[in-house]
Amino acid sequence: MNRAALFGLGCLGVLAVIVLALGGLIVGSYNSLVQVSAAADTAWAQVQTQYQRRADLIPNLVRTVEGAANFEKSTLTDVVNARANATKVTIDPSKAPSDSQALQRFQQAQDALSGTLGRLLAVSERYPELRANNNFRDLQAQLEGTENRIAVARGDFNRAVQNYNVRVRTFPTVLYAPILGFPPKPFFESAAGAENAPSVSFPSFSPSPAGH
């Protein structure tokens, strides 16, 4: 075998090693992307679970508040409408969104519902019969806990997405991640003016002392 043939075989061997090395790198990177993507999907499912829990509590809350004499109907209507709007804006609960505009619409609808719930519970402080109602106090406590879980779930989701996006945008993964079906994912963002807006609180109510 002449030198040219040997050189050609050597080049083919080097090329094969390079191809195998690149293939191994891409396979390993793909598996890593699957893991971080799955973590983001799991975190997103938790967000959806907590929002659904809140939506399920609201009908009972509305029925309880409706029983209070002369309760502000406009406040109840706002909550009912905000819940309806929030349930219309849906995103697949099994997969973390990759469409930033879809996530923004979802967040806006859910934040609007948070605002109306906060107003309803603030108004309810003016109704002693509600403060003394065990069912109302129980619902208030459940909503407060759910709002806290929503905040935690959103924070966990943002951290999972940050970890995913760092992996997707790291060289050389950034060169082929979109081709493999792993685009960057959007975060939950703070609402505009949130730093100046009053916080949505769910104050603990105590029944009035007997005889007062």
N, C-alpha and C. Protein backbone atom coordinates (compact mmCIF):
# COMPACT_ATOMS: atom_id res chain seq x y z
N MET A 1 0.87 -1.20 0.00
CA MET A 1 0.00 0.00 0.00
C MET A 1 0.89 1.24 0.00
N ASN A 2 0.64 2.15 -0.94
CA ASN A 2 1.50 3.32 -1.05
C ASN A 2 1.17 4.36 0.01
N ARG A 3 2.01 5.37 0.05
CA ARG A 3 1.87 6.41 1.08
C ARG A 3 0.55 7.18 0.94
N ALA A 4 0.14 7.43 -0.29
CA ALA A 4 -1.11 8.18 -0.51
C ALA A 4 -2.29 7.43 0.07
N ALA A 5 -2.29 6.10 -0.14
CA ALA A 5 -3.39 5.30 0.39
C ALA A 5 -3.37 5.30 1.92
N LEU A 6 -2.16 5.14 2.47
CA LEU A 6 -2.04 5.16 3.93
C LEU A 6 -2.49 6.51 4.50
N PHE A 7 -2.08 7.57 3.82
CA PHE A 7 -2.49 8.91 4.28
C PHE A 7 -4.01 9.07 4.23
N GLY A 8 -4.60 8.53 3.13
CA GLY A 8 -6.05 8.61 3.00
C GLY A 8 -6.75 7.84 4.11
N LEU A 9 -6.24 6.65 4.41
CA LEU A 9 -6.84 5.86 5.49
C LEU A 9 -6.68 6.57 6.83
N GLY A 10 -5.52 7.19 7.01
CA GLY A 10 -5.29 7.92 8.27
C GLY A 10 -6.26 9.08 8.41
N CYS A 11 -6.47 9.79 7.31
CA CYS A 11 -7.43 10.92 7.36
C CYS A 11 -8.84 10.44 7.66
N LEU A 12 -9.21 9.31 7.03
CA LEU A 12 -10.54 8.75 7.30
C LEU A 12 -10.67 8.34 8.76
N GLY A 13 -9.59 7.79 9.29
CA GLY A 13 -9.61 7.38 10.70
C GLY A 13 -9.78 8.58 11.62
N VAL A 14 -9.03 9.65 11.32
CA VAL A 14 -9.15 10.86 12.14
C VAL A 14 -10.55 11.44 12.02
N LEU A 15 -11.08 11.44 10.79
CA LEU A 15 -12.42 11.98 10.57
C LEU A 15 -13.46 11.16 11.33
N ALA A 16 -13.30 9.84 11.32
CA ALA A 16 -14.23 8.97 12.04
C ALA A 16 -14.19 9.25 13.54
N VAL A 17 -12.99 9.46 14.06
CA VAL A 17 -12.86 9.76 15.49
C VAL A 17 -13.55 11.08 15.82
N ILE A 18 -13.35 12.07 14.95
CA ILE A 18 -13.97 13.39 15.17
C ILE A 18 -15.49 13.27 15.14
N VAL A 19 -16.01 12.51 14.13
CA VAL A 19 -17.46 12.34 14.02
C VAL A 19 -18.02 11.63 15.25
N LEU A 20 -17.33 10.59 15.69
CA LEU A 20 -17.79 9.86 16.88
C LEU A 20 -17.76 10.75 18.11
N ALA A 21 -16.70 11.56 18.22
CA ALA A 21 -16.59 12.46 19.37
C ALA A 21 -17.71 13.49 19.37
N LEU A 22 -17.98 14.06 18.18
CA LEU A 22 -19.06 15.04 18.07
C LEU A 22 -20.42 14.39 18.35
N GLY A 23 -20.58 13.19 17.82
CA GLY A 23 -21.83 12.47 18.06
C GLY A 23 -22.05 12.20 19.54
N GLY A 24 -20.96 11.78 20.21
CA GLY A 24 -21.06 11.54 21.65
C GLY A 24 -21.38 12.81 22.41
N LEU A 25 -20.77 13.93 21.98
CA LEU A 25 -21.02 15.22 22.64
C LEU A 25 -22.48 15.63 22.47
N ILE A 26 -23.00 15.47 21.26
CA ILE A 26 -24.39 15.87 21.00
C ILE A 26 -25.36 14.97 21.76
N VAL A 27 -25.07 13.68 21.78
CA VAL A 27 -25.96 12.76 22.52
C VAL A 27 -25.97 13.10 24.00
N GLY A 28 -24.77 13.32 24.56
CA GLY A 28 -24.70 13.69 25.97
C GLY A 28 -25.40 15.00 26.25
N SER A 29 -25.22 15.97 25.35
CA SER A 29 -25.86 17.27 25.52
C SER A 29 -27.37 17.14 25.39
N TYR A 30 -27.83 16.30 24.45
CA TYR A 30 -29.26 16.09 24.27
C TYR A 30 -29.88 15.52 25.54
N ASN A 31 -29.24 14.52 26.10
CA ASN A 31 -29.76 13.91 27.32
C ASN A 31 -29.81 14.93 28.46
N SER A 32 -28.81 15.79 28.52
CA SER A 32 -28.79 16.83 29.55
C SER A 32 -29.93 17.83 29.34
N LEU A 33 -30.18 18.18 28.07
CA LEU A 33 -31.28 19.09 27.76
C LEU A 33 -32.62 18.47 28.11
N VAL A 34 -32.77 17.20 27.88
CA VAL A 34 -34.00 16.51 28.24
C VAL A 34 -34.25 16.62 29.75
N GLN A 35 -33.19 16.46 30.52
CA GLN A 35 -33.32 16.51 31.98
C GLN A 35 -33.74 17.89 32.47
N VAL A 36 -33.07 18.93 31.98
CA VAL A 36 -33.41 20.28 32.45
C VAL A 36 -34.76 20.73 31.90
N SER A 37 -35.12 20.26 30.71
CA SER A 37 -36.44 20.57 30.16
C SER A 37 -37.53 19.90 30.97
N ALA A 38 -37.29 18.66 31.38
CA ALA A 38 -38.26 17.93 32.19
C ALA A 38 -38.44 18.60 33.55
N ALA A 39 -37.35 19.14 34.10
CA ALA A 39 -37.43 19.85 35.38
C ALA A 39 -38.29 21.10 35.24
N ALA A 40 -38.15 21.82 34.13
CA ALA A 40 -38.98 22.99 33.89
C ALA A 40 -40.44 22.60 33.70
N ASP A 41 -40.69 21.48 33.00
CA ASP A 41 -42.06 21.00 32.81
C ASP A 41 -42.71 20.65 34.15
N THR A 42 -41.95 20.01 35.01
CA THR A 42 -42.47 19.63 36.33
C THR A 42 -42.80 20.86 37.15
N ALA A 43 -41.92 21.85 37.10
CA ALA A 43 -42.17 23.09 37.84
C ALA A 43 -43.40 23.80 37.30
N TRP A 44 -43.57 23.78 35.99
CA TRP A 44 -44.74 24.41 35.38
C TRP A 44 -46.03 23.70 35.80
N ALA A 45 -45.99 22.38 35.86
CA ALA A 45 -47.17 21.62 36.30
C ALA A 45 -47.58 22.01 37.71
N GLN A 46 -46.59 22.28 38.57
CA GLN A 46 -46.89 22.71 39.94
C GLN A 46 -47.55 24.09 39.95
N VAL A 47 -47.08 24.98 39.08
CA VAL A 47 -47.72 26.29 38.96
C VAL A 47 -49.19 26.13 38.59
N GLN A 48 -49.44 25.32 37.59
CA GLN A 48 -50.80 25.11 37.12
C GLN A 48 -51.67 24.48 38.22
N THR A 49 -51.09 23.55 38.97
CA THR A 49 -51.84 22.90 40.05
C THR A 49 -52.30 23.91 41.09
N GLN A 50 -51.42 24.83 41.47
CA GLN A 50 -51.77 25.81 42.50
C GLN A 50 -52.80 26.82 41.98
N TYR A 51 -52.67 27.22 40.72
CA TYR A 51 -53.67 28.12 40.15
C TYR A 51 -55.04 27.43 40.07
N GLN A 52 -55.04 26.15 39.72
CA GLN A 52 -56.30 25.42 39.65
C GLN A 52 -56.91 25.27 41.03
N ARG A 53 -56.08 25.04 42.03
CA ARG A 53 -56.57 24.95 43.40
C ARG A 53 -57.28 26.25 43.79
N ARG A 54 -56.69 27.38 43.46
CA ARG A 54 -57.31 28.66 43.77
C ARG A 54 -58.63 28.83 43.03
N ALA A 55 -58.65 28.48 41.75
CA ALA A 55 -59.88 28.60 40.97
C ALA A 55 -60.99 27.74 41.56
N ASP A 56 -60.63 26.58 42.10
CA ASP A 56 -61.63 25.69 42.68
C ASP A 56 -62.20 26.22 43.99
N LEU A 57 -61.43 27.04 44.70
CA LEU A 57 -61.90 27.59 45.98
C LEU A 57 -62.87 28.76 45.79
N ILE A 58 -62.75 29.46 44.67
CA ILE A 58 -63.48 30.72 44.50
C ILE A 58 -65.00 30.55 44.48
N PRO A 59 -65.56 29.54 43.80
CA PRO A 59 -67.03 29.43 43.82
C PRO A 59 -67.60 29.32 45.24
N ASN A 60 -66.95 28.56 46.11
CA ASN A 60 -67.42 28.46 47.50
C ASN A 60 -67.31 29.80 48.22
N LEU A 61 -66.21 30.51 47.94
CA LEU A 61 -66.03 31.83 48.55
C LEU A 61 -67.15 32.78 48.10
N VAL A 62 -67.46 32.77 46.82
CA VAL A 62 -68.50 33.67 46.30
C VAL A 62 -69.85 33.33 46.92
N ARG A 63 -70.17 32.03 47.01
CA ARG A 63 -71.45 31.64 47.61
C ARG A 63 -71.54 32.07 49.07
N THR A 64 -70.42 31.96 49.79
CA THR A 64 -70.42 32.35 51.20
C THR A 64 -70.60 33.86 51.34
N VAL A 65 -69.90 34.62 50.53
CA VAL A 65 -69.97 36.08 50.63
C VAL A 65 -71.34 36.58 50.18
N GLU A 66 -71.96 35.91 49.21
CA GLU A 66 -73.28 36.32 48.75
C GLU A 66 -74.32 36.30 49.87
N GLY A 67 -74.06 35.47 50.88
CA GLY A 67 -74.99 35.38 51.99
C GLY A 67 -74.93 36.54 52.95
N ALA A 68 -73.91 37.38 52.83
CA ALA A 68 -73.79 38.54 53.71
C ALA A 68 -74.74 39.63 53.23
N ALA A 69 -75.48 40.21 54.16
CA ALA A 69 -76.47 41.23 53.81
C ALA A 69 -75.80 42.44 53.18
N ASN A 70 -76.33 42.86 52.02
CA ASN A 70 -75.89 44.09 51.36
C ASN A 70 -74.42 44.09 50.95
N PHE A 71 -73.84 42.90 50.73
CA PHE A 71 -72.44 42.88 50.30
C PHE A 71 -72.35 43.48 48.90
N GLU A 72 -71.25 44.19 48.65
CA GLU A 72 -71.08 44.91 47.38
C GLU A 72 -71.10 43.95 46.18
N LYS A 73 -72.15 44.05 45.39
CA LYS A 73 -72.31 43.13 44.27
C LYS A 73 -71.24 43.33 43.20
N SER A 74 -70.80 44.56 43.02
CA SER A 74 -69.80 44.83 41.99
C SER A 74 -68.49 44.10 42.29
N THR A 75 -68.15 44.01 43.57
CA THR A 75 -66.92 43.31 43.95
C THR A 75 -67.04 41.83 43.64
N LEU A 76 -68.19 41.24 43.94
CA LEU A 76 -68.41 39.83 43.62
C LEU A 76 -68.37 39.60 42.11
N THR A 77 -68.99 40.50 41.37
CA THR A 77 -69.01 40.37 39.92
C THR A 77 -67.60 40.43 39.35
N ASP A 78 -66.78 41.32 39.89
CA ASP A 78 -65.39 41.42 39.43
C ASP A 78 -64.64 40.11 39.65
N VAL A 79 -64.85 39.47 40.80
CA VAL A 79 -64.16 38.21 41.09
C VAL A 79 -64.63 37.11 40.14
N VAL A 80 -65.95 37.03 39.95
CA VAL A 80 -66.49 36.00 39.06
C VAL A 80 -65.97 36.18 37.63
N ASN A 81 -65.97 37.42 37.17
CA ASN A 81 -65.48 37.69 35.80
C ASN A 81 -63.98 37.42 35.68
N ALA A 82 -63.22 37.82 36.70
CA ALA A 82 -61.77 37.60 36.65
C ALA A 82 -61.46 36.10 36.65
N ARG A 83 -62.22 35.33 37.42
CA ARG A 83 -62.02 33.88 37.43
C ARG A 83 -62.33 33.30 36.06
N ALA A 84 -63.43 33.75 35.45
CA ALA A 84 -63.80 33.25 34.13
C ALA A 84 -62.72 33.57 33.10
N ASN A 85 -62.18 34.78 33.16
CA ASN A 85 -61.13 35.16 32.22
C ASN A 85 -59.87 34.34 32.44
N ALA A 86 -59.53 34.11 33.72
CA ALA A 86 -58.32 33.36 34.03
C ALA A 86 -58.42 31.91 33.55
N THR A 87 -59.61 31.32 33.65
CA THR A 87 -59.76 29.93 33.21
C THR A 87 -59.81 29.80 31.69
N LYS A 88 -60.08 30.91 31.00
CA LYS A 88 -60.09 30.88 29.53
C LYS A 88 -58.68 30.92 28.96
N VAL A 89 -57.77 31.58 29.66
CA VAL A 89 -56.40 31.72 29.16
C VAL A 89 -55.61 30.51 29.63
N THR A 90 -55.47 29.53 28.77
CA THR A 90 -54.86 28.27 29.16
C THR A 90 -53.57 28.00 28.39
N ILE A 91 -52.70 27.25 29.05
CA ILE A 91 -51.46 26.76 28.45
C ILE A 91 -51.33 25.30 28.86
N ASP A 92 -50.85 24.48 27.97
CA ASP A 92 -50.68 23.05 28.24
C ASP A 92 -50.00 22.85 29.60
N PRO A 93 -50.69 22.22 30.59
CA PRO A 93 -50.11 22.08 31.92
C PRO A 93 -48.96 21.08 32.00
N SER A 94 -48.77 20.28 30.94
CA SER A 94 -47.74 19.24 30.98
C SER A 94 -46.41 19.69 30.40
N LYS A 95 -46.39 20.89 29.81
CA LYS A 95 -45.16 21.34 29.13
C LYS A 95 -44.93 22.82 29.39
N ALA A 96 -43.76 23.16 29.90
CA ALA A 96 -43.43 24.56 30.16
C ALA A 96 -43.51 25.35 28.86
N PRO A 97 -44.13 26.52 28.88
CA PRO A 97 -44.34 27.28 27.64
C PRO A 97 -43.04 27.81 27.06
N SER A 98 -43.01 27.90 25.74
CA SER A 98 -41.88 28.52 25.04
C SER A 98 -42.30 29.82 24.36
N ASP A 99 -43.60 30.13 24.40
CA ASP A 99 -44.14 31.35 23.80
C ASP A 99 -44.26 32.42 24.89
N SER A 100 -43.42 33.44 24.82
CA SER A 100 -43.41 34.47 25.87
C SER A 100 -44.72 35.25 25.91
N GLN A 101 -45.34 35.49 24.76
CA GLN A 101 -46.59 36.23 24.73
C GLN A 101 -47.73 35.43 25.35
N ALA A 102 -47.74 34.13 25.12
CA ALA A 102 -48.77 33.27 25.73
C ALA A 102 -48.61 33.27 27.24
N LEU A 103 -47.37 33.19 27.72
CA LEU A 103 -47.15 33.21 29.17
C LEU A 103 -47.54 34.57 29.74
N GLN A 104 -47.27 35.64 29.02
CA GLN A 104 -47.63 36.98 29.50
C GLN A 104 -49.15 37.11 29.63
N ARG A 105 -49.89 36.61 28.64
CA ARG A 105 -51.36 36.66 28.72
C ARG A 105 -51.86 35.83 29.90
N PHE A 106 -51.28 34.68 30.11
CA PHE A 106 -51.66 33.83 31.23
C PHE A 106 -51.39 34.54 32.55
N GLN A 107 -50.20 35.12 32.69
CA GLN A 107 -49.84 35.81 33.92
C GLN A 107 -50.76 37.00 34.18
N GLN A 108 -51.06 37.76 33.16
CA GLN A 108 -51.92 38.93 33.33
C GLN A 108 -53.31 38.53 33.83
N ALA A 109 -53.84 37.44 33.28
CA ALA A 109 -55.17 36.98 33.71
C ALA A 109 -55.14 36.50 35.15
N GLN A 110 -54.09 35.79 35.53
CA GLN A 110 -53.99 35.28 36.90
C GLN A 110 -53.72 36.41 37.89
N ASP A 111 -52.90 37.38 37.50
CA ASP A 111 -52.62 38.51 38.39
C ASP A 111 -53.87 39.37 38.58
N ALA A 112 -54.69 39.48 37.54
CA ALA A 112 -55.94 40.23 37.66
C ALA A 112 -56.87 39.55 38.66
N LEU A 113 -56.90 38.22 38.64
CA LEU A 113 -57.71 37.48 39.60
C LEU A 113 -57.20 37.69 41.02
N SER A 114 -55.88 37.69 41.19
CA SER A 114 -55.31 37.96 42.51
C SER A 114 -55.75 39.32 43.03
N GLY A 115 -55.75 40.31 42.14
CA GLY A 115 -56.14 41.66 42.55
C GLY A 115 -57.59 41.74 42.99
N THR A 116 -58.49 41.08 42.23
CA THR A 116 -59.91 41.14 42.61
C THR A 116 -60.17 40.38 43.89
N LEU A 117 -59.47 39.28 44.09
CA LEU A 117 -59.63 38.54 45.35
C LEU A 117 -59.16 39.38 46.53
N GLY A 118 -58.06 40.08 46.34
CA GLY A 118 -57.56 40.94 47.42
C GLY A 118 -58.57 42.02 47.77
N ARG A 119 -59.20 42.60 46.75
CA ARG A 119 -60.21 43.64 47.01
C ARG A 119 -61.43 43.06 47.72
N LEU A 120 -61.86 41.87 47.31
CA LEU A 120 -63.02 41.26 47.94
C LEU A 120 -62.76 41.02 49.43
N LEU A 121 -61.60 40.48 49.75
CA LEU A 121 -61.31 40.19 51.15
C LEU A 121 -61.09 41.46 51.95
N ALA A 122 -60.60 42.51 51.29
CA ALA A 122 -60.47 43.79 51.99
C ALA A 122 -61.85 44.37 52.32
N VAL A 123 -62.77 44.28 51.36
CA VAL A 123 -64.13 44.77 51.58
C VAL A 123 -64.82 43.97 52.68
N SER A 124 -64.54 42.68 52.73
CA SER A 124 -65.22 41.81 53.69
C SER A 124 -64.92 42.19 55.14
N GLU A 125 -63.83 42.93 55.36
CA GLU A 125 -63.52 43.36 56.73
C GLU A 125 -64.63 44.23 57.31
N ARG A 126 -65.45 44.83 56.46
CA ARG A 126 -66.51 45.72 56.93
C ARG A 126 -67.78 44.95 57.29
N TYR A 127 -67.73 43.62 57.21
CA TYR A 127 -68.93 42.80 57.47
C TYR A 127 -68.66 41.83 58.63
N PRO A 128 -69.05 42.21 59.83
CA PRO A 128 -68.79 41.35 61.01
C PRO A 128 -69.36 39.94 60.86
N GLU A 129 -70.49 39.80 60.17
CA GLU A 129 -71.08 38.48 60.03
C GLU A 129 -70.16 37.54 59.23
N LEU A 130 -69.40 38.10 58.30
CA LEU A 130 -68.44 37.28 57.56
C LEU A 130 -67.24 36.93 58.43
N ARG A 131 -66.77 37.89 59.20
CA ARG A 131 -65.62 37.63 60.08
C ARG A 131 -65.94 36.57 61.11
N ALA A 132 -67.22 36.44 61.44
CA ALA A 132 -67.63 35.43 62.42
C ALA A 132 -68.06 34.12 61.76
N ASN A 133 -68.02 34.06 60.43
CA ASN A 133 -68.46 32.88 59.70
C ASN A 133 -67.31 31.89 59.57
N ASN A 134 -67.48 30.70 60.17
CA ASN A 134 -66.40 29.71 60.15
C ASN A 134 -66.02 29.29 58.73
N ASN A 135 -67.01 29.13 57.88
CA ASN A 135 -66.73 28.72 56.51
C ASN A 135 -65.92 29.78 55.77
N PHE A 136 -66.28 31.04 55.99
CA PHE A 136 -65.54 32.13 55.35
C PHE A 136 -64.09 32.17 55.85
N ARG A 137 -63.91 32.03 57.16
CA ARG A 137 -62.54 32.08 57.70
C ARG A 137 -61.71 30.91 57.18
N ASP A 138 -62.34 29.76 57.02
CA ASP A 138 -61.62 28.61 56.51
C ASP A 138 -61.20 28.83 55.05
N LEU A 139 -62.13 29.38 54.25
CA LEU A 139 -61.81 29.67 52.85
C LEU A 139 -60.72 30.73 52.74
N GLN A 140 -60.81 31.75 53.60
CA GLN A 140 -59.79 32.79 53.61
C GLN A 140 -58.41 32.21 53.91
N ALA A 141 -58.36 31.30 54.89
CA ALA A 141 -57.07 30.68 55.24
C ALA A 141 -56.55 29.82 54.09
N GLN A 142 -57.46 29.10 53.42
CA GLN A 142 -57.03 28.27 52.29
C GLN A 142 -56.53 29.12 51.13
N LEU A 143 -57.19 30.24 50.89
CA LEU A 143 -56.75 31.14 49.82
C LEU A 143 -55.39 31.75 50.15
N GLU A 144 -55.22 32.13 51.39
CA GLU A 144 -53.93 32.69 51.80
C GLU A 144 -52.82 31.67 51.57
N GLY A 145 -53.06 30.42 51.99
CA GLY A 145 -52.07 29.38 51.78
C GLY A 145 -51.82 29.12 50.31
N THR A 146 -52.88 29.17 49.51
CA THR A 146 -52.73 28.93 48.08
C THR A 146 -51.94 30.04 47.41
N GLU A 147 -52.19 31.30 47.80
CA GLU A 147 -51.42 32.40 47.24
C GLU A 147 -49.93 32.23 47.56
N ASN A 148 -49.64 31.77 48.77
CA ASN A 148 -48.23 31.54 49.14
C ASN A 148 -47.63 30.42 48.29
N ARG A 149 -48.42 29.35 48.08
CA ARG A 149 -47.92 28.25 47.26
C ARG A 149 -47.74 28.67 45.81
N ILE A 150 -48.62 29.53 45.33
CA ILE A 150 -48.45 30.06 43.96
C ILE A 150 -47.14 30.81 43.84
N ALA A 151 -46.85 31.67 44.83
CA ALA A 151 -45.60 32.44 44.80
C ALA A 151 -44.39 31.52 44.81
N VAL A 152 -44.44 30.48 45.63
CA VAL A 152 -43.33 29.53 45.71
C VAL A 152 -43.19 28.78 44.39
N ALA A 153 -44.33 28.33 43.83
CA ALA A 153 -44.30 27.56 42.58
C ALA A 153 -43.76 28.40 41.42
N ARG A 154 -44.15 29.68 41.39
CA ARG A 154 -43.63 30.56 40.34
C ARG A 154 -42.14 30.77 40.49
N GLY A 155 -41.67 30.92 41.72
CA GLY A 155 -40.24 31.07 41.95
C GLY A 155 -39.47 29.83 41.54
N ASP A 156 -40.01 28.65 41.88
CA ASP A 156 -39.37 27.39 41.49
C ASP A 156 -39.33 27.26 39.97
N PHE A 157 -40.42 27.67 39.33
CA PHE A 157 -40.48 27.60 37.86
C PHE A 157 -39.43 28.50 37.23
N ASN A 158 -39.31 29.72 37.73
CA ASN A 158 -38.32 30.64 37.17
C ASN A 158 -36.90 30.10 37.34
N ARG A 159 -36.63 29.48 38.48
CA ARG A 159 -35.28 28.91 38.68
C ARG A 159 -35.04 27.74 37.73
N ALA A 160 -36.06 26.91 37.52
CA ALA A 160 -35.91 25.78 36.59
C ALA A 160 -35.70 26.27 35.17
N VAL A 161 -36.42 27.32 34.79
CA VAL A 161 -36.27 27.88 33.44
C VAL A 161 -34.90 28.54 33.29
N GLN A 162 -34.44 29.22 34.33
CA GLN A 162 -33.12 29.83 34.26
C GLN A 162 -32.05 28.75 34.04
N ASN A 163 -32.14 27.66 34.76
CA ASN A 163 -31.19 26.57 34.61
C ASN A 163 -31.25 26.00 33.19
N TYR A 164 -32.47 25.84 32.68
CA TYR A 164 -32.66 25.34 31.32
C TYR A 164 -32.07 26.31 30.29
N ASN A 165 -32.39 27.59 30.43
CA ASN A 165 -31.91 28.58 29.45
C ASN A 165 -30.40 28.71 29.45
N VAL A 166 -29.78 28.62 30.62
CA VAL A 166 -28.31 28.65 30.68
C VAL A 166 -27.74 27.49 29.89
N ARG A 167 -28.35 26.31 30.05
CA ARG A 167 -27.86 25.13 29.32
C ARG A 167 -28.07 25.30 27.82
N VAL A 168 -29.21 25.82 27.43
CA VAL A 168 -29.53 25.98 26.01
C VAL A 168 -28.62 26.99 25.33
N ARG A 169 -28.25 28.03 26.07
CA ARG A 169 -27.48 29.13 25.47
C ARG A 169 -25.98 28.99 25.65
N THR A 170 -25.55 27.89 26.24
CA THR A 170 -24.13 27.66 26.44
C THR A 170 -23.51 27.04 25.19
N PHE A 171 -22.34 27.54 24.79
CA PHE A 171 -21.64 26.99 23.64
C PHE A 171 -21.07 25.62 24.01
N PRO A 172 -21.14 24.62 23.13
CA PRO A 172 -21.64 24.65 21.75
C PRO A 172 -23.13 24.28 21.62
N THR A 173 -23.81 24.05 22.79
CA THR A 173 -25.21 23.63 22.73
C THR A 173 -26.08 24.63 21.99
N VAL A 174 -25.74 25.91 22.11
CA VAL A 174 -26.54 26.95 21.46
C VAL A 174 -26.60 26.76 19.94
N LEU A 175 -25.63 26.05 19.38
CA LEU A 175 -25.58 25.86 17.94
C LEU A 175 -26.63 24.87 17.44
N TYR A 176 -27.01 23.91 18.29
CA TYR A 176 -27.92 22.87 17.80
C TYR A 176 -29.15 22.65 18.69
N ALA A 177 -29.24 23.32 19.83
CA ALA A 177 -30.40 23.13 20.71
C ALA A 177 -31.72 23.43 20.01
N PRO A 178 -31.86 24.57 19.29
CA PRO A 178 -33.13 24.83 18.60
C PRO A 178 -33.46 23.77 17.56
N ILE A 179 -32.43 23.25 16.89
CA ILE A 179 -32.65 22.22 15.87
C ILE A 179 -33.20 20.95 16.51
N LEU A 180 -32.75 20.67 17.73
CA LEU A 180 -33.19 19.47 18.45
C LEU A 180 -34.52 19.68 19.17
N GLY A 181 -35.08 20.88 19.06
CA GLY A 181 -36.38 21.13 19.68
C GLY A 181 -36.31 21.69 21.09
N PHE A 182 -35.24 22.44 21.38
CA PHE A 182 -35.07 23.02 22.71
C PHE A 182 -34.84 24.54 22.61
N PRO A 183 -35.89 25.31 22.31
CA PRO A 183 -35.75 26.77 22.28
C PRO A 183 -35.71 27.33 23.69
N PRO A 184 -35.23 28.56 23.88
CA PRO A 184 -35.29 29.19 25.21
C PRO A 184 -36.74 29.32 25.67
N LYS A 185 -36.93 29.35 27.00
CA LYS A 185 -38.26 29.46 27.58
C LYS A 185 -38.39 30.78 28.34
N PRO A 186 -39.59 31.36 28.38
CA PRO A 186 -39.80 32.62 29.09
C PRO A 186 -40.01 32.40 30.58
N PHE A 187 -39.80 33.48 31.35
CA PHE A 187 -39.99 33.49 32.80
C PHE A 187 -41.32 34.16 33.14
N PHE A 188 -41.78 33.93 34.37
CA PHE A 188 -42.76 34.83 34.95
C PHE A 188 -42.03 36.13 35.27
N GLU A 189 -42.67 37.26 34.99
CA GLU A 189 -42.08 38.56 35.25
C GLU A 189 -42.90 39.31 36.28
N SER A 190 -42.25 40.22 37.00
CA SER A 190 -42.97 41.08 37.93
C SER A 190 -43.89 41.99 37.14
N ALA A 191 -45.10 42.16 37.64
CA ALA A 191 -46.04 43.05 36.96
C ALA A 191 -45.52 44.48 37.00
N ALA A 192 -45.78 45.22 35.95
CA ALA A 192 -45.33 46.61 35.89
C ALA A 192 -45.90 47.40 37.05
N GLY A 193 -45.02 48.10 37.76
CA GLY A 193 -45.45 48.89 38.90
C GLY A 193 -45.65 48.08 40.17
N ALA A 194 -45.29 46.80 40.14
CA ALA A 194 -45.52 45.95 41.30
C ALA A 194 -44.76 46.44 42.52
N GLU A 195 -43.63 47.12 42.26
CA GLU A 195 -42.84 47.59 43.40
C GLU A 195 -43.55 48.73 44.14
N ASN A 196 -44.52 49.38 43.49
CA ASN A 196 -45.25 50.47 44.12
C ASN A 196 -46.68 50.10 44.49
N ALA A 197 -47.14 48.96 44.00
CA ALA A 197 -48.53 48.57 44.24
C ALA A 197 -48.68 47.96 45.62
N PRO A 198 -49.85 48.15 46.23
CA PRO A 198 -50.09 47.52 47.53
C PRO A 198 -50.11 46.01 47.38
N SER A 199 -49.58 45.31 48.36
CA SER A 199 -49.54 43.86 48.28
C SER A 199 -50.94 43.29 48.47
N VAL A 200 -51.18 42.16 47.83
CA VAL A 200 -52.45 41.47 48.00
C VAL A 200 -52.35 40.64 49.28
N SER A 201 -53.08 41.04 50.29
CA SER A 201 -52.98 40.34 51.57
C SER A 201 -54.32 39.70 51.92
N PHE A 202 -54.25 38.66 52.69
CA PHE A 202 -55.43 37.95 53.13
C PHE A 202 -55.39 37.92 54.65
N PRO A 203 -55.83 38.99 55.30
CA PRO A 203 -55.69 39.10 56.74
C PRO A 203 -56.48 38.05 57.50
N SER A 204 -55.93 37.63 58.64
CA SER A 204 -56.60 36.66 59.47
C SER A 204 -57.70 37.35 60.25
N PHE A 205 -58.88 36.78 60.22
CA PHE A 205 -60.02 37.35 60.91
C PHE A 205 -60.30 36.57 62.18
N SER A 206 -60.74 37.25 63.19
CA SER A 206 -61.14 36.62 64.44
C SER A 206 -62.58 36.98 64.70
N PRO A 207 -63.37 36.03 65.19
CA PRO A 207 -64.76 36.34 65.47
C PRO A 207 -64.87 37.34 66.59
N SER A 208 -65.89 38.18 66.54
CA SER A 208 -66.10 39.17 67.60
C SER A 208 -66.41 38.45 68.90
N PRO A 209 -65.96 39.00 70.05
CA PRO A 209 -66.25 38.38 71.32
C PRO A 209 -67.74 38.25 71.52
N ALA A 210 -68.15 37.20 72.16
CA ALA A 210 -69.57 36.96 72.41
C ALA A 210 -70.15 38.13 73.17
N GLY A 211 -71.34 38.54 72.74
CA GLY A 211 -72.02 39.61 73.46
C GLY A 211 -71.67 40.98 72.94
N HIS A 212 -70.79 41.09 71.91
CA HIS A 212 -70.42 42.40 71.36
C HIS A 212 -70.90 42.51 69.95
